[in-house]
């Protein structure tokens, strides 16, 4: 199976990625919030691209089986399934 990856160049792009990985992991906003010791409104704000603490964003991605990678814009990135 090919791993799905996301390229986000804006807060709204990152928000869409967070929502997609949460949905793909089968979690509700409440379930994700509880698993990272946060709140459902925080997850909602994150998924709408509103300001959210970076550590909460990284915790949410990690809990859904993803990680944040920062590369120079326009770089070619190869993603291989784990």
C-alpha atoms as a PDB file:
ATOM      1  CA  UNK A   1       0.000   0.000   0.000  1.00  0.00           C
ATOM      2  CA  UNK A   2       1.276   3.456  -0.875  1.00  0.00           C
ATOM      3  CA  UNK A   3       1.599   5.854   2.062  1.00  0.00           C
ATOM      4  CA  UNK A   4      -0.500   8.997   1.757  1.00  0.00           C
ATOM      5  CA  UNK A   5       1.395  12.214   2.277  1.00  0.00           C
ATOM      6  CA  UNK A   6       0.403  15.869   2.386  1.00  0.00           C
ATOM      7  CA  UNK A   7       2.178  18.997   1.207  1.00  0.00           C
ATOM      8  CA  UNK A   8       0.913  22.035   3.107  1.00  0.00           C
ATOM      9  CA  UNK A   9       2.014  25.553   2.242  1.00  0.00           C
ATOM     10  CA  UNK A  10      -0.516  27.376   4.375  1.00  0.00           C
ATOM     11  CA  UNK A  11      -2.394  27.075   7.643  1.00  0.00           C
ATOM     12  CA  UNK A  12      -5.483  25.931   5.739  1.00  0.00           C
ATOM     13  CA  UNK A  13      -3.463  23.248   3.934  1.00  0.00           C
ATOM     14  CA  UNK A  14      -2.071  21.956   7.213  1.00  0.00           C
ATOM     15  CA  UNK A  15      -5.567  22.058   8.712  1.00  0.00           C
ATOM     16  CA  UNK A  16      -6.896  19.900   5.875  1.00  0.00           C
ATOM     17  CA  UNK A  17      -4.074  17.415   6.393  1.00  0.00           C
ATOM     18  CA  UNK A  18      -4.778  17.148  10.130  1.00  0.00           C
ATOM     19  CA  UNK A  19      -8.465  16.550   9.474  1.00  0.00           C
ATOM     20  CA  UNK A  20      -7.697  13.937   6.811  1.00  0.00           C
ATOM     21  CA  UNK A  21      -5.288  11.957   8.991  1.00  0.00           C
ATOM     22  CA  UNK A  22      -7.650  12.097  11.961  1.00  0.00           C
ATOM     23  CA  UNK A  23     -10.529  10.827   9.836  1.00  0.00           C
ATOM     24  CA  UNK A  24      -8.352   8.122   8.265  1.00  0.00           C
ATOM     25  CA  UNK A  25      -7.315   6.973  11.741  1.00  0.00           C
ATOM     26  CA  UNK A  26     -10.977   6.440  12.595  1.00  0.00           C
ATOM     27  CA  UNK A  27     -11.026   8.936  15.458  1.00  0.00           C
ATOM     28  CA  UNK A  28     -13.534  11.623  16.281  1.00  0.00           C
ATOM     29  CA  UNK A  29     -12.308  15.042  17.354  1.00  0.00           C
ATOM     30  CA  UNK A  30     -13.214  14.136  20.932  1.00  0.00           C
ATOM     31  CA  UNK A  31     -11.325  10.833  20.825  1.00  0.00           C
ATOM     32  CA  UNK A  32      -8.208  12.473  19.402  1.00  0.00           C
ATOM     33  CA  UNK A  33      -8.392  15.285  21.946  1.00  0.00           C
ATOM     34  CA  UNK A  34      -8.665  12.839  24.840  1.00  0.00           C
ATOM     35  CA  UNK A  35      -5.758  10.740  23.585  1.00  0.00           C
ATOM     36  CA  UNK A  36      -3.425  13.763  23.493  1.00  0.00           C
ATOM     37  CA  UNK A  37      -4.796  15.364  26.693  1.00  0.00           C
ATOM     38  CA  UNK A  38      -6.334  18.280  24.831  1.00  0.00           C
ATOM     39  CA  UNK A  39      -9.912  19.422  24.135  1.00  0.00           C
ATOM     40  CA  UNK A  40     -12.342  18.961  21.256  1.00  0.00           C
ATOM     41  CA  UNK A  41     -12.520  22.739  20.622  1.00  0.00           C
ATOM     42  CA  UNK A  42      -8.711  22.771  20.246  1.00  0.00           C
ATOM     43  CA  UNK A  43      -8.877  20.007  17.622  1.00  0.00           C
ATOM     44  CA  UNK A  44     -11.679  21.889  15.874  1.00  0.00           C
ATOM     45  CA  UNK A  45      -9.594  25.094  15.794  1.00  0.00           C
ATOM     46  CA  UNK A  46      -6.619  23.133  14.476  1.00  0.00           C
ATOM     47  CA  UNK A  47      -8.733  21.632  11.678  1.00  0.00           C
ATOM     48  CA  UNK A  48      -9.997  25.098  10.715  1.00  0.00           C
ATOM     49  CA  UNK A  49      -6.478  26.502  10.426  1.00  0.00           C
ATOM     50  CA  UNK A  50      -6.765  28.741  13.468  1.00  0.00           C
ATOM     51  CA  UNK A  51      -3.797  29.336  15.783  1.00  0.00           C
ATOM     52  CA  UNK A  52      -2.928  26.244  17.821  1.00  0.00           C
ATOM     53  CA  UNK A  53       0.111  25.390  19.928  1.00  0.00           C
ATOM     54  CA  UNK A  54       2.773  23.674  17.829  1.00  0.00           C
ATOM     55  CA  UNK A  55       3.267  20.894  20.368  1.00  0.00           C
ATOM     56  CA  UNK A  56      -0.467  20.093  20.244  1.00  0.00           C
ATOM     57  CA  UNK A  57      -0.352  19.940  16.445  1.00  0.00           C
ATOM     58  CA  UNK A  58       2.646  17.596  16.526  1.00  0.00           C
ATOM     59  CA  UNK A  59       1.006  15.446  19.218  1.00  0.00           C
ATOM     60  CA  UNK A  60      -2.154  15.127  17.102  1.00  0.00           C
ATOM     61  CA  UNK A  61      -0.211  14.114  13.983  1.00  0.00           C
ATOM     62  CA  UNK A  62       1.900  11.638  15.958  1.00  0.00           C
ATOM     63  CA  UNK A  63      -1.169  10.074  17.572  1.00  0.00           C
ATOM     64  CA  UNK A  64      -2.623   9.530  14.078  1.00  0.00           C
ATOM     65  CA  UNK A  65       0.598   7.882  12.890  1.00  0.00           C
ATOM     66  CA  UNK A  66       2.119  10.853  11.061  1.00  0.00           C
ATOM     67  CA  UNK A  67       5.040  13.196  11.598  1.00  0.00           C
ATOM     68  CA  UNK A  68       5.857  16.707  10.471  1.00  0.00           C
ATOM     69  CA  UNK A  69       8.790  17.077   8.058  1.00  0.00           C
ATOM     70  CA  UNK A  70      10.115  20.479   6.986  1.00  0.00           C
ATOM     71  CA  UNK A  71      11.933  20.710   3.645  1.00  0.00           C
ATOM     72  CA  UNK A  72      12.927  23.538   1.296  1.00  0.00           C
ATOM     73  CA  UNK A  73       9.989  24.690  -0.829  1.00  0.00           C
ATOM     74  CA  UNK A  74       9.813  22.956  -4.189  1.00  0.00           C
ATOM     75  CA  UNK A  75      11.914  20.024  -3.018  1.00  0.00           C
ATOM     76  CA  UNK A  76      11.251  16.574  -4.388  1.00  0.00           C
ATOM     77  CA  UNK A  77      10.360  14.275  -1.547  1.00  0.00           C
ATOM     78  CA  UNK A  78      10.040  10.517  -1.798  1.00  0.00           C
ATOM     79  CA  UNK A  79       7.699   8.865   0.672  1.00  0.00           C
ATOM     80  CA  UNK A  80       8.010   5.126   1.181  1.00  0.00           C
ATOM     81  CA  UNK A  81       5.610   3.041   3.212  1.00  0.00           C
ATOM     82  CA  UNK A  82       7.034   2.048   6.603  1.00  0.00           C
END
